[in-house]
Amino acid sequence: MDTDGTEIGLTLAHSSDSDDAFMFWALREGRVRVDGLRFEHVLSDIQSLNQAALEGRYDISAISLHAFAYIARNYALLNAGASVGDGYGPIIVSARPLDLNDLPRHSVAIPGSLTTAALVLRLAVPGIRTEEMAFDQIAQSVKQGEVSAGVIIHEGQITFESDGLHCVTDLGSWWRDETGLPLPLGANVVRRSLGREVGEKVCDGIRRSILYAEENRVEAINYAKVYSRKLVHDKVDRFVSMYVNDYSLDWGPRGRKAVEELLRRGAEAGIVPEVDMLEFVG
């Protein structure tokens, strides 16, 4: 608290997706509290959150790891709340069978230029031509032939087959084959100017929120289902299990190495600026 005993009010932004809904449910509903801090929750799509982070709009925010390369001087990575795919991740889909070698001849839809999906696509297929569009329009655009292929994120990763689409490549699987590491897709960041003590408190609160949701999983999944774009309960549970995992509680040595490797390769390829202020808080 401040010296006068009042709470510090902070903006906490996260995506309106079922995995983030699951992780932040307890904090948002007041089941978990952080002494001395009060959060104003802001929900938005990940590309909008990435853009807001570039502008320094929120105190704490979920972002794509791709975007972190541009904001590392102003924000530090929190050690809780990450979305990591270990051998799986965003999926390149097409209406007819294609393979990775076919893609340079086509334009591929991406769910935002600052998404990690876009970064890994460019690492996997250097020089690829892309077309940016809303993530929830990509599957339909591919199906209707408006683009030859597209990168599917969020719940689309487990529904694309029911839409009659083909998997060209799972980028999380491609990344693991290339590096032997999990693919760090999303992270939570905290404004550096708030100080490390506040960052530690925020990280602890997010971690406790995740643990509370795991301990009350049925209720938490029912809450997350509201943000699942009409997935049935079992598929919501499956999707949450994919991206709320041990890495969400703590990056750990392997997760931190994966972050460093992704940012290093992105910089070496000239896609992102070199990050010289990589800090994990909490």
Protein backbone atom coordinates (compact mmCIF):
# COMPACT_ATOMS: atom_id res chain seq x y z
CA MET A 1 0.00 0.00 0.00
CA ASP A 2 0.98 3.63 -0.32
CA THR A 3 2.13 5.47 2.77
CA ASP A 4 -1.43 6.64 3.44
CA GLY A 5 -2.66 3.04 3.56
CA THR A 6 -4.49 3.08 0.22
CA GLU A 7 -4.17 0.36 -2.38
CA ILE A 8 -2.18 0.92 -5.57
CA GLY A 9 -4.49 0.64 -8.58
CA LEU A 10 -3.00 -1.15 -11.59
CA THR A 11 -4.35 -1.99 -15.03
CA LEU A 12 -4.10 -5.70 -15.76
CA ALA A 13 -4.80 -6.62 -19.37
CA HIS A 14 -5.24 -10.14 -20.70
CA SER A 15 -6.83 -11.85 -23.65
CA SER A 16 -10.48 -12.77 -23.92
CA ASP A 17 -9.60 -16.43 -24.55
CA SER A 18 -10.48 -19.46 -22.48
CA ASP A 19 -6.94 -20.19 -21.27
CA ASP A 20 -6.43 -16.63 -19.99
CA ALA A 21 -9.95 -16.64 -18.57
CA PHE A 22 -9.05 -19.77 -16.62
CA MET A 23 -5.79 -18.32 -15.31
CA PHE A 24 -7.20 -14.93 -14.27
CA TRP A 25 -10.62 -16.10 -13.04
CA ALA A 26 -9.72 -16.15 -9.34
CA LEU A 27 -8.07 -12.73 -9.49
CA ARG A 28 -10.90 -11.19 -11.47
CA GLU A 29 -13.59 -12.64 -9.21
CA GLY A 30 -11.79 -11.70 -5.98
CA ARG A 31 -11.11 -15.31 -4.97
CA VAL A 32 -7.41 -14.37 -4.81
CA ARG A 33 -6.23 -10.97 -3.60
CA VAL A 34 -2.85 -9.27 -3.56
CA ASP A 35 -2.09 -7.16 -0.51
CA GLY A 36 -1.71 -3.49 -1.35
CA LEU A 37 -2.76 -3.87 -4.99
CA ARG A 38 -6.06 -3.39 -6.76
CA PHE A 39 -6.49 -4.51 -10.37
CA GLU A 40 -8.60 -3.04 -13.14
CA HIS A 41 -9.01 -5.96 -15.57
CA VAL A 42 -8.99 -5.18 -19.29
CA LEU A 43 -9.89 -7.86 -21.83
CA SER A 44 -8.90 -7.65 -25.47
CA ASP A 45 -7.60 -9.73 -28.38
CA ILE A 46 -3.89 -10.50 -28.40
CA GLN A 47 -2.94 -8.29 -31.36
CA SER A 48 -4.64 -5.32 -29.69
CA LEU A 49 -2.77 -6.12 -26.47
CA ASN A 50 0.50 -6.25 -28.40
CA GLN A 51 -0.18 -2.82 -29.90
CA ALA A 52 -1.15 -1.42 -26.50
CA ALA A 53 2.10 -2.73 -25.03
CA LEU A 54 4.07 -0.86 -27.71
CA GLU A 55 2.27 2.28 -26.53
CA GLY A 56 2.90 1.44 -22.84
CA ARG A 57 -0.81 1.62 -22.12
CA TYR A 58 -1.16 -0.98 -19.31
CA ASP A 59 0.77 -1.70 -16.12
CA ILE A 60 0.55 -5.47 -16.53
CA SER A 61 -0.36 -7.20 -19.76
CA ALA A 62 -0.49 -10.48 -21.58
CA ILE A 63 1.50 -10.18 -24.81
CA SER A 64 3.00 -12.30 -27.55
CA LEU A 65 6.69 -13.16 -27.09
CA HIS A 66 7.23 -11.64 -30.53
CA ALA A 67 6.01 -8.27 -29.23
CA PHE A 68 8.26 -8.46 -26.16
CA ALA A 69 11.32 -7.78 -28.31
CA TYR A 70 10.00 -4.25 -28.90
CA ILE A 71 9.09 -3.42 -25.29
CA ALA A 72 11.85 -5.09 -23.25
CA ARG A 73 13.30 -1.77 -22.10
CA ASN A 74 10.01 -0.77 -20.50
CA TYR A 75 8.60 -4.10 -19.35
CA ALA A 76 9.94 -7.20 -17.58
CA LEU A 77 8.66 -10.74 -18.09
CA LEU A 78 6.65 -12.19 -15.23
CA ASN A 79 7.52 -15.71 -14.17
CA ALA A 80 3.85 -16.80 -14.14
CA GLY A 81 0.99 -16.80 -16.61
CA ALA A 82 2.91 -17.91 -19.72
CA SER A 83 1.30 -19.79 -22.61
CA VAL A 84 3.75 -22.40 -23.88
CA GLY A 85 3.24 -25.27 -26.30
CA ASP A 86 5.54 -28.22 -25.76
CA GLY A 87 5.59 -29.88 -29.17
CA TYR A 88 2.44 -28.12 -30.39
CA GLY A 89 1.36 -24.60 -31.22
CA PRO A 90 -0.18 -22.48 -33.97
CA ILE A 91 -1.08 -24.52 -37.03
CA ILE A 92 -0.71 -23.61 -40.67
CA VAL A 93 -3.84 -24.84 -42.44
CA SER A 94 -4.93 -25.05 -46.05
CA ALA A 95 -8.08 -26.01 -47.96
CA ARG A 96 -6.17 -28.58 -50.00
CA PRO A 97 -3.09 -30.59 -49.04
CA LEU A 98 0.11 -28.51 -49.07
CA ASP A 99 3.49 -28.89 -47.42
CA LEU A 100 5.91 -26.34 -46.04
CA ASN A 101 7.91 -26.20 -49.29
CA ASP A 102 4.78 -25.11 -51.17
CA LEU A 103 4.18 -22.02 -49.05
CA PRO A 104 6.65 -19.57 -50.71
CA ARG A 105 4.38 -19.68 -53.76
CA HIS A 106 1.36 -18.59 -51.72
CA SER A 107 0.17 -15.81 -49.45
CA VAL A 108 -0.47 -16.95 -45.88
CA ALA A 109 -2.94 -15.28 -43.51
CA ILE A 110 -1.54 -14.38 -40.09
CA PRO A 111 -3.42 -13.34 -36.93
CA GLY A 112 -1.47 -10.12 -36.39
CA SER A 113 2.03 -9.03 -37.33
CA LEU A 114 3.26 -9.07 -33.71
CA THR A 115 1.94 -12.50 -32.80
CA THR A 116 4.45 -15.24 -32.06
CA ALA A 117 2.68 -17.28 -34.74
CA ALA A 118 3.78 -14.70 -37.31
CA LEU A 119 7.36 -14.73 -36.02
CA VAL A 120 7.71 -18.52 -36.09
CA LEU A 121 6.11 -18.68 -39.55
CA ARG A 122 8.77 -16.29 -40.84
CA LEU A 123 11.49 -18.37 -39.19
CA ALA A 124 10.11 -21.56 -40.73
CA VAL A 125 9.55 -20.04 -44.19
CA PRO A 126 11.94 -17.11 -44.75
CA GLY A 127 10.55 -14.54 -47.17
CA ILE A 128 6.98 -15.79 -46.85
CA ARG A 129 4.28 -13.43 -48.12
CA THR A 130 1.65 -12.79 -45.47
CA GLU A 131 -1.75 -11.15 -45.18
CA GLU A 132 -2.85 -9.91 -41.78
CA MET A 133 -6.43 -10.54 -40.65
CA ALA A 134 -8.47 -11.12 -37.51
CA PHE A 135 -7.61 -14.50 -36.00
CA ASP A 136 -11.26 -15.66 -35.99
CA GLN A 137 -11.65 -14.99 -39.74
CA ILE A 138 -8.66 -16.99 -40.95
CA ALA A 139 -10.22 -20.47 -41.07
CA GLN A 140 -13.19 -19.24 -43.08
CA SER A 141 -10.98 -17.24 -45.45
CA VAL A 142 -8.87 -20.33 -46.14
CA LYS A 143 -11.96 -22.48 -46.59
CA GLN A 144 -13.46 -20.02 -49.07
CA GLY A 145 -10.21 -19.79 -51.04
CA GLU A 146 -9.57 -16.13 -50.27
CA VAL A 147 -6.06 -17.14 -49.15
CA SER A 148 -4.22 -20.38 -49.86
CA ALA A 149 -3.19 -20.98 -46.25
CA GLY A 150 -3.46 -19.40 -42.84
CA VAL A 151 -2.03 -19.68 -39.34
CA ILE A 152 -4.63 -20.76 -36.81
CA ILE A 153 -4.29 -19.81 -33.13
CA HIS A 154 -6.45 -20.17 -30.01
CA GLU A 155 -9.30 -22.71 -30.09
CA GLY A 156 -9.00 -23.08 -33.86
CA GLN A 157 -6.04 -25.36 -33.22
CA ILE A 158 -8.43 -28.10 -32.11
CA THR A 159 -11.37 -27.33 -34.44
CA PHE A 160 -9.76 -26.83 -37.87
CA GLU A 161 -10.30 -30.45 -38.95
CA SER A 162 -14.02 -30.16 -38.34
CA ASP A 163 -13.92 -27.16 -40.70
CA GLY A 164 -12.53 -29.44 -43.41
CA LEU A 165 -9.05 -27.91 -43.37
CA HIS A 166 -5.68 -29.65 -43.72
CA CYS A 167 -2.68 -29.24 -41.43
CA VAL A 168 0.32 -28.03 -43.40
CA THR A 169 2.59 -27.77 -40.33
CA ASP A 170 2.20 -27.45 -36.59
CA LEU A 171 4.63 -24.63 -35.82
CA GLY A 172 5.13 -25.84 -32.25
CA SER A 173 6.19 -29.24 -33.56
CA TRP A 174 8.45 -27.58 -36.17
CA TRP A 175 10.06 -25.47 -33.44
CA ARG A 176 10.72 -28.48 -31.21
CA ASP A 177 12.29 -30.37 -34.13
CA GLU A 178 14.54 -27.36 -34.82
CA THR A 179 15.54 -26.56 -31.24
CA GLY A 180 14.46 -29.38 -28.92
CA LEU A 181 12.59 -26.74 -26.91
CA PRO A 182 8.98 -25.81 -26.17
CA LEU A 183 7.51 -22.88 -28.04
CA PRO A 184 6.90 -19.80 -25.82
CA LEU A 185 3.87 -18.15 -27.36
CA GLY A 186 2.54 -15.72 -24.79
CA ALA A 187 3.74 -14.12 -21.58
CA ASN A 188 2.71 -11.59 -18.98
CA VAL A 189 4.77 -8.46 -18.51
CA VAL A 190 4.95 -5.77 -15.83
CA ARG A 191 6.03 -2.17 -16.21
CA ARG A 192 9.65 -1.87 -15.00
CA SER A 193 9.02 1.56 -13.46
CA LEU A 194 6.69 -0.03 -10.87
CA GLY A 195 9.72 -1.64 -9.21
CA ARG A 196 10.64 -5.21 -8.53
CA GLU A 197 8.63 -5.51 -5.30
CA VAL A 198 5.37 -4.74 -7.08
CA GLY A 199 6.34 -7.10 -9.90
CA GLU A 200 6.97 -9.91 -7.41
CA LYS A 201 3.56 -9.32 -5.81
CA VAL A 202 1.82 -9.35 -9.18
CA CYS A 203 3.57 -12.55 -10.21
CA ASP A 204 2.63 -14.23 -6.93
CA GLY A 205 -0.98 -13.19 -7.41
CA ILE A 206 -1.16 -14.64 -10.94
CA ARG A 207 0.46 -17.87 -9.78
CA ARG A 208 -2.00 -18.22 -6.89
CA SER A 209 -4.87 -17.46 -9.28
CA ILE A 210 -3.78 -20.34 -11.54
CA LEU A 211 -3.40 -22.70 -8.61
CA TYR A 212 -6.83 -21.75 -7.28
CA ALA A 213 -8.36 -22.48 -10.70
CA GLU A 214 -6.64 -25.87 -10.83
CA GLU A 215 -7.98 -26.69 -7.35
CA ASN A 216 -11.48 -25.63 -8.42
CA ARG A 217 -11.23 -26.85 -11.99
CA VAL A 218 -14.89 -27.59 -12.74
CA GLU A 219 -15.98 -24.09 -11.72
CA ALA A 220 -13.01 -22.49 -13.48
CA ILE A 221 -13.65 -24.39 -16.72
CA ASN A 222 -17.31 -23.40 -16.62
CA TYR A 223 -16.17 -19.77 -16.35
CA ALA A 224 -13.62 -20.21 -19.15
CA LYS A 225 -16.30 -21.76 -21.37
CA VAL A 226 -17.95 -18.32 -21.66
CA TYR A 227 -14.80 -17.20 -23.55
CA SER A 228 -14.36 -20.36 -25.62
CA ARG A 229 -16.22 -19.39 -28.81
CA LYS A 230 -18.85 -22.10 -28.36
CA LEU A 231 -16.53 -25.03 -27.69
CA VAL A 232 -18.15 -27.85 -25.75
CA HIS A 233 -16.97 -28.45 -22.17
CA ASP A 234 -14.54 -31.28 -22.99
CA LYS A 235 -12.80 -29.27 -25.71
CA VAL A 236 -12.52 -26.23 -23.45
CA ASP A 237 -10.87 -28.44 -20.84
CA ARG A 238 -8.55 -29.86 -23.50
CA PHE A 239 -7.56 -26.43 -24.79
CA VAL A 240 -6.95 -25.06 -21.29
CA SER A 241 -4.82 -28.11 -20.49
CA MET A 242 -2.68 -27.38 -23.56
CA TYR A 243 -1.77 -23.85 -22.52
CA VAL A 244 -2.19 -23.72 -18.76
CA ASN A 245 0.61 -26.04 -17.70
CA ASP A 246 3.78 -26.17 -15.60
CA TYR A 247 5.30 -23.34 -17.66
CA SER A 248 2.35 -21.16 -16.66
CA LEU A 249 3.35 -21.52 -13.01
CA ASP A 250 7.06 -20.98 -13.64
CA TRP A 251 9.04 -20.68 -16.85
CA GLY A 252 11.74 -22.89 -15.34
CA PRO A 253 15.19 -23.32 -16.93
CA ARG A 254 13.83 -24.95 -20.11
CA GLY A 255 11.17 -22.30 -20.60
CA ARG A 256 13.62 -19.44 -20.07
CA LYS A 257 16.03 -21.04 -22.53
CA ALA A 258 13.19 -21.28 -25.06
CA VAL A 259 12.42 -17.56 -24.64
CA GLU A 260 16.07 -16.66 -25.13
CA GLU A 261 16.35 -18.92 -28.20
CA LEU A 262 13.22 -17.54 -29.86
CA LEU A 263 14.31 -13.94 -29.37
CA ARG A 264 17.88 -14.73 -30.48
CA ARG A 265 16.75 -16.46 -33.68
CA GLY A 266 14.27 -13.69 -34.42
CA ALA A 267 17.01 -11.08 -34.06
CA GLU A 268 19.52 -13.06 -36.14
CA ALA A 269 16.93 -13.35 -38.91
CA GLY A 270 16.40 -9.59 -38.81
CA ILE A 271 12.76 -9.97 -37.79
CA VAL A 272 12.96 -8.40 -34.31
CA PRO A 273 15.44 -6.10 -32.56
CA GLU A 274 18.05 -7.70 -30.32
CA VAL A 275 16.91 -7.91 -26.70
CA ASP A 276 19.60 -6.90 -24.21
CA MET A 277 17.36 -6.45 -21.17
CA LEU A 278 15.74 -9.87 -20.64
CA GLU A 279 14.53 -10.07 -17.04
CA PHE A 280 12.19 -12.56 -15.36
CA VAL A 281 10.38 -11.27 -12.26
CA GLY A 282 8.94 -13.52 -9.57
